[in-house]
Amino acid sequence: MKICPHCNKEINEKAIKCIHCGQYISNQAIFESLPPEQQVELVRHTKRNLFYLGLIAVAIGAVGLYYLINVMPHSSINRMWAFGILISISFLGGGGITILRSFATFDVGDLGK
């Protein structure tokens, strides 16, 4: 027997959902209860979304930097301009990290699936 983390009542060791409060015990338990084919597809889908999210963040950061450097007048350098550069670089860095994380355990050939 184990204890439900939501209502602190005893439940079956293999329980996915508490019979007392109806809450799921953990996301890992839900994932493990899926058939292997669905687990693989869920992981692929999640990693593909991470990759695309990273690409969008890098694109936003690149456009932001381009705008701040080339479009805004250089005479109006102030705190807002510096803040915009900081945000753009944050998007570039965050997007790059997200893309790298998606590549760590993801085959690029899976993008078309």
Protein backbone atom coordinates (compact mmCIF):
# COMPACT_ATOMS: atom_id res chain seq x y z
CA MET A 1 0.00 0.00 0.00
CA LYS A 2 1.05 3.59 -0.63
CA ILE A 3 -0.29 6.98 0.45
CA CYS A 4 -2.14 9.33 -1.94
CA PRO A 5 -0.22 12.64 -2.09
CA HIS A 6 -3.50 14.57 -2.37
CA CYS A 7 -5.75 13.14 0.37
CA ASN A 8 -3.19 11.13 2.45
CA LYS A 9 -5.29 7.95 2.38
CA GLU A 10 -3.95 4.47 1.65
CA ILE A 11 -4.30 3.20 -1.90
CA ASN A 12 -3.12 0.21 -3.91
CA GLU A 13 0.59 0.19 -4.78
CA LYS A 14 -0.19 0.05 -8.53
CA ALA A 15 -2.96 2.67 -8.46
CA ILE A 16 -2.88 5.37 -11.13
CA LYS A 17 -5.84 7.26 -9.71
CA CYS A 18 -6.90 7.56 -6.06
CA ILE A 19 -10.17 5.78 -5.28
CA HIS A 20 -10.89 8.25 -2.47
CA CYS A 21 -10.31 11.69 -4.00
CA GLY A 22 -10.19 10.81 -7.72
CA GLN A 23 -6.84 12.57 -8.32
CA TYR A 24 -4.14 11.03 -10.50
CA ILE A 25 -1.14 9.91 -8.50
CA SER A 26 1.50 11.19 -10.96
CA ASN A 27 2.03 12.02 -14.61
CA GLN A 28 4.65 9.26 -14.75
CA ALA A 29 2.03 6.71 -13.72
CA ILE A 30 -0.31 7.93 -16.47
CA PHE A 31 2.51 7.78 -19.03
CA GLU A 32 3.53 4.27 -17.98
CA SER A 33 -0.07 3.07 -18.23
CA LEU A 34 -0.16 3.90 -21.97
CA PRO A 35 0.69 1.24 -24.56
CA PRO A 36 4.32 1.46 -25.80
CA GLU A 37 3.25 2.78 -29.23
CA GLN A 38 1.39 5.69 -27.62
CA GLN A 39 4.34 6.41 -25.32
CA VAL A 40 6.68 6.69 -28.32
CA GLU A 41 4.24 8.92 -30.20
CA LEU A 42 3.73 11.18 -27.16
CA VAL A 43 7.50 11.60 -26.72
CA ARG A 44 7.97 12.37 -30.43
CA HIS A 45 5.13 14.87 -30.40
CA THR A 46 6.48 16.64 -27.29
CA LYS A 47 10.02 16.88 -28.65
CA ARG A 48 8.82 18.07 -32.04
CA ASN A 49 6.87 20.85 -30.31
CA LEU A 50 9.95 21.79 -28.27
CA PHE A 51 11.97 22.06 -31.48
CA TYR A 52 9.41 24.31 -33.16
CA LEU A 53 9.04 26.44 -30.02
CA GLY A 54 12.80 26.94 -30.02
CA LEU A 55 12.77 27.97 -33.67
CA ILE A 56 10.02 30.51 -33.01
CA ALA A 57 11.93 31.96 -30.04
CA VAL A 58 15.12 32.29 -32.10
CA ALA A 59 13.18 33.97 -34.92
CA ILE A 60 11.56 36.45 -32.50
CA GLY A 61 14.95 37.24 -30.97
CA ALA A 62 16.60 37.69 -34.38
CA VAL A 63 13.84 39.98 -35.65
CA GLY A 64 13.94 41.95 -32.41
CA LEU A 65 17.70 42.44 -32.62
CA TYR A 66 17.47 43.43 -36.28
CA TYR A 67 14.77 45.96 -35.50
CA LEU A 68 16.61 47.42 -32.53
CA ILE A 69 19.94 47.69 -34.35
CA ASN A 70 18.89 48.66 -37.88
CA VAL A 71 15.43 50.24 -37.72
CA MET A 72 15.42 52.27 -34.52
CA PRO A 73 17.30 55.54 -34.78
CA HIS A 74 20.71 55.22 -33.15
CA SER A 75 20.31 58.59 -31.49
CA SER A 76 17.52 57.28 -29.28
CA ILE A 77 19.63 54.85 -27.29
CA ASN A 78 18.05 54.77 -23.87
CA ARG A 79 16.94 52.29 -21.25
CA MET A 80 14.12 51.00 -23.43
CA TRP A 81 16.55 50.21 -26.24
CA ALA A 82 18.87 48.39 -23.85
CA PHE A 83 15.91 46.49 -22.41
CA GLY A 84 14.84 45.49 -25.94
CA ILE A 85 18.33 44.16 -26.68
CA LEU A 86 18.26 42.18 -23.44
CA ILE A 87 14.87 40.65 -24.28
CA SER A 88 15.97 39.80 -27.82
CA ILE A 89 19.15 38.11 -26.61
CA SER A 90 17.09 36.21 -24.01
CA PHE A 91 14.79 34.92 -26.76
CA LEU A 92 17.80 33.91 -28.87
CA GLY A 93 19.46 32.11 -25.97
CA GLY A 94 16.29 30.46 -24.69
CA GLY A 95 15.30 29.35 -28.17
CA GLY A 96 18.77 27.97 -28.81
CA ILE A 97 18.75 26.02 -25.56
CA THR A 98 15.28 24.67 -26.34
CA ILE A 99 16.43 23.52 -29.78
CA LEU A 100 19.53 21.86 -28.31
CA ARG A 101 17.43 20.07 -25.69
CA SER A 102 15.09 18.78 -28.37
CA PHE A 103 18.09 17.46 -30.35
CA ALA A 104 19.61 15.74 -27.33
CA THR A 105 17.25 12.77 -27.64
CA PHE A 106 15.44 13.46 -30.87
CA ASP A 107 16.06 12.41 -34.45
CA VAL A 108 15.55 15.27 -36.92
CA GLY A 109 14.04 12.75 -39.33
CA ASP A 110 11.07 12.50 -36.96
CA LEU A 111 10.00 16.08 -37.76
CA GLY A 112 8.05 14.98 -40.82
CA LYS A 113 6.16 12.25 -39.01
